[in-house]
Protein backbone atom coordinates (compact mmCIF):
# COMPACT_ATOMS: atom_id res chain seq x y z
CA MET A 1 -4.72 -61.34 25.08
CA GLU A 2 -5.36 -65.07 25.00
CA THR A 3 -6.75 -66.69 21.88
CA ASN A 4 -8.20 -70.11 21.15
CA GLN A 5 -5.70 -70.74 18.36
CA CYS A 6 -1.97 -71.46 18.41
CA SER A 7 -0.06 -68.39 17.26
CA THR A 8 2.30 -70.59 15.21
CA PRO A 9 1.89 -74.13 13.87
CA LEU A 10 3.63 -76.94 15.72
CA SER A 11 6.93 -78.09 14.37
CA ARG A 12 7.18 -81.48 12.74
CA GLN A 13 8.84 -82.92 15.83
CA GLN A 14 6.25 -81.40 18.16
CA ALA A 15 3.44 -82.79 16.01
CA GLN A 16 5.01 -86.25 16.15
CA GLN A 17 5.33 -86.11 19.93
CA LEU A 18 1.87 -84.67 20.64
CA ASP A 19 -0.25 -87.14 22.63
CA LEU A 20 -3.82 -86.52 21.46
CA HIS A 21 -5.19 -89.37 23.56
CA LEU A 22 -7.93 -89.79 20.95
CA ILE A 23 -8.55 -93.51 20.88
CA PRO A 24 -9.16 -94.27 24.57
CA GLY A 25 -10.88 -90.90 24.90
CA LEU A 26 -13.34 -91.73 22.12
CA ARG A 27 -14.00 -95.16 23.57
CA ASN A 28 -14.71 -93.67 27.00
CA ARG A 29 -17.04 -91.03 25.58
CA LEU A 30 -19.01 -93.58 23.56
CA VAL A 31 -19.45 -95.68 26.68
CA ALA A 32 -20.51 -92.57 28.64
CA GLU A 33 -23.11 -91.66 26.00
CA MET A 34 -24.60 -95.14 26.12
CA ALA A 35 -24.61 -95.10 29.91
CA LEU A 36 -26.59 -91.83 29.78
CA ARG A 37 -29.21 -93.68 27.76
CA ASP A 38 -29.34 -96.62 30.20
CA ILE A 39 -28.00 -99.06 27.61
CA ALA A 40 -26.91 -102.28 29.28
CA GLN A 41 -23.24 -103.13 28.78
CA HIS A 42 -24.00 -106.37 26.97
CA GLN A 43 -26.08 -104.34 24.48
CA TYR A 44 -23.33 -101.83 23.58
CA VAL A 45 -22.28 -103.52 20.35
CA HIS A 46 -25.84 -104.07 19.15
CA PHE A 47 -26.79 -100.48 20.01
CA LEU A 48 -23.87 -98.93 18.13
CA SER A 49 -24.46 -101.21 15.16
CA GLU A 50 -28.11 -100.16 14.96
CA LEU A 51 -27.16 -96.51 15.49
CA THR A 52 -24.63 -96.35 12.66
CA GLY A 53 -25.57 -99.20 10.33
CA ARG A 54 -22.09 -100.64 10.70
CA ALA A 55 -21.33 -104.33 11.25
CA PRO A 56 -21.17 -105.54 14.87
CA GLN A 57 -17.54 -106.60 14.36
CA THR A 58 -16.69 -103.05 13.27
CA VAL A 59 -18.32 -101.21 16.17
CA ALA A 60 -16.97 -103.72 18.68
CA ARG A 61 -13.45 -102.46 17.88
CA TRP A 62 -14.40 -98.90 18.84
CA ILE A 63 -15.19 -99.90 22.43
CA ASP A 64 -12.72 -102.74 22.92
CA PRO A 65 -11.46 -102.29 26.52
CA ASP A 66 -7.87 -103.27 25.72
CA HIS A 67 -7.23 -102.20 22.13
CA PRO A 68 -9.95 -99.75 21.03
CA GLY A 69 -9.91 -98.55 17.44
CA MET A 70 -10.94 -95.34 15.73
CA PRO A 71 -14.05 -95.22 13.53
CA ASP A 72 -13.73 -93.96 9.98
CA LEU A 73 -14.79 -90.38 9.28
CA SER A 74 -18.28 -91.31 8.07
CA SER A 75 -18.92 -93.41 11.16
CA LEU A 76 -17.62 -90.62 13.39
CA ALA A 77 -20.00 -88.17 11.73
CA LEU A 78 -22.89 -90.60 12.25
CA LEU A 79 -22.00 -91.02 15.92
CA SER A 80 -21.97 -87.26 16.36
CA ILE A 81 -25.35 -86.89 14.64
CA GLN A 82 -26.98 -89.83 16.38
CA PHE A 83 -25.80 -88.87 19.85
CA GLY A 84 -26.43 -85.19 19.13
CA VAL A 85 -23.03 -84.11 20.42
CA ASP A 86 -20.14 -82.17 18.92
CA ALA A 87 -17.65 -84.38 17.08
CA GLY A 88 -14.79 -82.42 18.66
CA TRP A 89 -15.92 -83.53 22.10
CA LEU A 90 -16.32 -87.14 20.98
CA ILE A 91 -12.71 -87.39 19.84
CA GLY A 92 -11.35 -85.37 22.77
CA LEU A 93 -10.58 -82.01 21.15
CA SER A 94 -13.03 -80.28 23.48
CA SER A 95 -13.35 -80.66 27.23
CA ALA A 96 -16.96 -79.45 27.13
CA ARG A 97 -19.76 -81.75 26.02
CA LEU A 98 -21.42 -79.46 23.51
CA PRO A 99 -24.55 -80.29 21.52
CA LEU A 100 -24.22 -80.78 17.80
CA ALA A 101 -24.78 -77.44 16.04
CA THR A 102 -27.32 -78.76 13.57
CA SER A 103 -28.08 -75.25 12.30
CA LEU A 104 -24.51 -75.06 10.96
CA LEU A 105 -24.71 -78.32 9.03
CA PRO A 106 -24.74 -78.12 5.22
CA ALA A 107 -28.23 -77.58 3.84
CA ALA A 108 -28.20 -80.89 1.95
CA LEU A 109 -27.42 -82.78 5.16
CA ARG A 110 -29.99 -80.85 7.19
CA SER A 111 -32.69 -81.71 4.66
CA GLN A 112 -31.90 -85.41 5.08
CA LEU A 113 -32.05 -85.16 8.86
CA ALA A 114 -35.34 -83.24 8.91
CA PRO A 115 -38.21 -85.53 9.94
CA ALA A 116 -40.47 -86.36 7.03
CA LYS A 117 -43.87 -84.76 7.25
CA PRO A 118 -46.67 -87.30 7.36
CA ALA A 119 -48.56 -87.44 4.10
CA GLN A 120 -51.89 -85.72 4.38
CA ALA A 121 -54.81 -87.94 3.63
CA ASN A 122 -56.38 -86.95 0.33
CA TRP A 123 -59.93 -87.40 1.58
CA LEU A 124 -61.44 -84.66 -0.57
CA ALA A 125 -60.63 -86.16 -3.98
CA PRO A 126 -62.64 -89.39 -3.59
CA LEU A 127 -65.47 -87.44 -2.00
CA LEU A 128 -65.60 -85.04 -4.93
CA ALA A 129 -65.40 -87.96 -7.35
CA GLN A 130 -68.44 -89.55 -5.75
CA ALA A 131 -70.29 -86.25 -5.74
CA GLN A 132 -69.40 -85.69 -9.40
CA ALA A 133 -70.87 -89.10 -10.25
CA CYS A 134 -74.12 -87.89 -8.68
CA ALA A 135 -74.21 -84.66 -10.69
CA PRO A 136 -77.32 -85.72 -12.69
CA TYR A 137 -79.26 -86.34 -9.47
CA GLN A 138 -81.17 -84.05 -7.15
CA VAL A 139 -79.93 -83.19 -3.67
CA ALA A 140 -81.84 -82.86 -0.40
CA LEU A 141 -81.09 -82.64 3.32
CA MET A 142 -82.07 -85.35 5.76
CA GLN A 143 -84.56 -84.19 8.35
CA GLY A 144 -84.75 -86.17 11.58
CA ASP A 145 -83.01 -89.30 12.83
CA ASP A 146 -85.26 -91.81 11.04
CA MET A 147 -82.35 -93.16 8.97
CA ALA A 148 -79.52 -92.71 11.50
CA PRO A 149 -76.79 -93.79 11.49
CA LEU A 150 -76.99 -94.58 7.75
CA ILE A 151 -78.04 -90.99 6.98
CA GLN A 152 -77.58 -88.56 9.83
CA HIS A 153 -79.86 -85.61 10.54
CA GLY A 154 -78.83 -82.67 8.36
CA ALA A 155 -76.73 -84.81 6.00
CA PRO A 156 -77.05 -84.04 2.28
CA PHE A 157 -78.09 -86.93 0.06
CA PHE A 158 -78.50 -87.38 -3.69
CA PHE A 159 -81.55 -89.04 -5.22
CA ASP A 160 -82.56 -90.05 -8.73
CA ASP A 161 -85.91 -88.36 -9.35
CA SER A 162 -86.41 -90.30 -12.60
CA ILE A 163 -87.39 -93.32 -10.49
CA GLN A 164 -91.04 -92.94 -9.56
CA GLN A 165 -91.87 -96.49 -8.51
CA VAL A 166 -90.27 -99.31 -6.55
CA ASP A 167 -88.77 -101.92 -8.86
CA THR A 168 -85.96 -103.09 -6.56
CA ASN A 169 -85.19 -102.99 -2.86
CA GLY A 170 -83.38 -99.85 -1.78
CA VAL A 171 -83.55 -96.51 -0.01
CA TYR A 172 -86.16 -94.12 -1.37
CA LEU A 173 -87.29 -90.55 -0.88
CA LEU A 174 -91.04 -90.39 -0.30
CA GLN A 175 -93.68 -87.74 0.10
CA TYR A 176 -96.43 -88.36 2.62
CA ARG A 177 -99.11 -85.77 3.36
CA GLY A 178 -96.84 -82.87 2.45
CA LYS A 179 -93.81 -84.22 4.29
CA THR A 180 -90.72 -85.86 2.82
CA LEU A 181 -89.49 -89.13 4.28
CA VAL A 182 -86.55 -91.41 3.59
CA ARG A 183 -87.14 -95.12 4.03
CA HIS A 184 -85.76 -98.52 3.21
CA ILE A 185 -88.30 -100.20 0.94
CA GLU A 186 -88.29 -103.98 0.69
CA ILE A 187 -90.44 -105.87 -1.78
CA ARG A 188 -92.08 -108.82 -0.01
CA VAL A 189 -93.61 -111.42 -2.26
CA GLY A 190 -97.30 -111.94 -1.50
CA GLU A 191 -97.30 -109.16 1.11
CA GLY A 192 -96.42 -105.86 -0.54
CA LEU A 193 -93.88 -103.16 0.25
CA LEU A 194 -92.25 -102.97 3.68
CA LEU A 195 -91.21 -99.42 4.64
CA ARG A 196 -88.51 -99.44 7.29
CA CYS A 197 -86.40 -96.84 9.09
CA GLU A 198 -82.71 -97.46 9.78
CA ASN A 199 -83.33 -96.29 13.33
CA ALA A 200 -84.87 -99.23 15.21
CA ARG A 201 -86.86 -96.85 17.42
CA TYR A 202 -89.41 -96.39 14.65
CA ARG A 203 -91.99 -98.92 13.50
CA THR A 204 -92.18 -100.48 10.06
CA THR A 205 -95.11 -99.95 7.69
CA LEU A 206 -96.50 -102.47 5.23
CA VAL A 207 -98.09 -101.13 2.04
CA ARG A 208 -100.01 -103.71 0.00
CA ASP A 209 -99.28 -102.28 -3.44
CA HIS A 210 -98.80 -99.05 -5.39
CA GLY A 211 -102.55 -98.45 -5.42
CA HIS A 212 -102.66 -98.68 -1.66
CA ALA A 213 -99.71 -96.30 -1.45
CA HIS A 214 -101.49 -93.80 -3.70
CA ALA A 215 -104.64 -94.04 -1.60
CA MET A 216 -102.57 -93.30 1.51
CA GLY A 217 -101.12 -90.21 -0.15
CA LEU A 218 -97.69 -91.83 -0.42
CA THR A 219 -95.61 -90.84 -3.46
CA ILE A 220 -92.16 -91.98 -4.59
CA LEU A 221 -89.96 -88.94 -5.27
CA GLY A 222 -86.83 -90.89 -6.18
CA ARG A 223 -84.25 -93.44 -5.12
CA VAL A 224 -81.39 -92.35 -2.84
CA LYS A 225 -77.98 -92.88 -4.45
CA LEU A 226 -75.48 -91.27 -2.07
CA ALA A 227 -75.44 -89.67 1.37
CA ILE A 228 -72.63 -87.57 2.84
CA ASN A 229 -72.45 -87.78 6.62
CA ALA A 230 -70.36 -85.31 8.61
CA CYS A 231 -69.91 -85.25 12.36
CA ALA A 232 -69.02 -81.95 14.05
CA MET A 233 -66.52 -82.38 16.91
């Protein structure tokens, strides 16, 4: 029965006379691997240098057409990993071009070769922080597209119900004839209060003063502090 191993080790003389043909074989296989990747010949040195992190002068010796040299063991291992081929084939100990058996690599090396997982965006923490800051406020849901895209329909928003009158420009929650509305309110000197939707489809309303607003049945329920918009895909 044939085996893949020599039954007895070579003698010292046989070992000395054995022609492994490693150096030109390695050079030819490196060139073949680069040809498979459509690397132009004038780019061979640069490509191998980038692939292994070795100096251009060092890698140039590996593929010198007249006097090629052997890479050191670390460089040989890198070439095997980077080309994804068995190191035995690279140096000529195997006639078959076999892929690198990455599953058999030491665990520490495999962990270094594993692609890093992209960091997941921590979007929830800042959102919760903002919501926590609004804990003292009341929450309501936007009805309609009056304030889109600033506050989308169905979006929750927080409002400070301790504010019952307009002292500064801002976004306010109002009650008008039993309905709740959200509006930009702008104080206009000499004119009154301008109520405006974010959505340009809707008209603005000018209220002369708080007395006029009360007569219209318009009440300030609070000032909007934060809105959380979400878009279903």
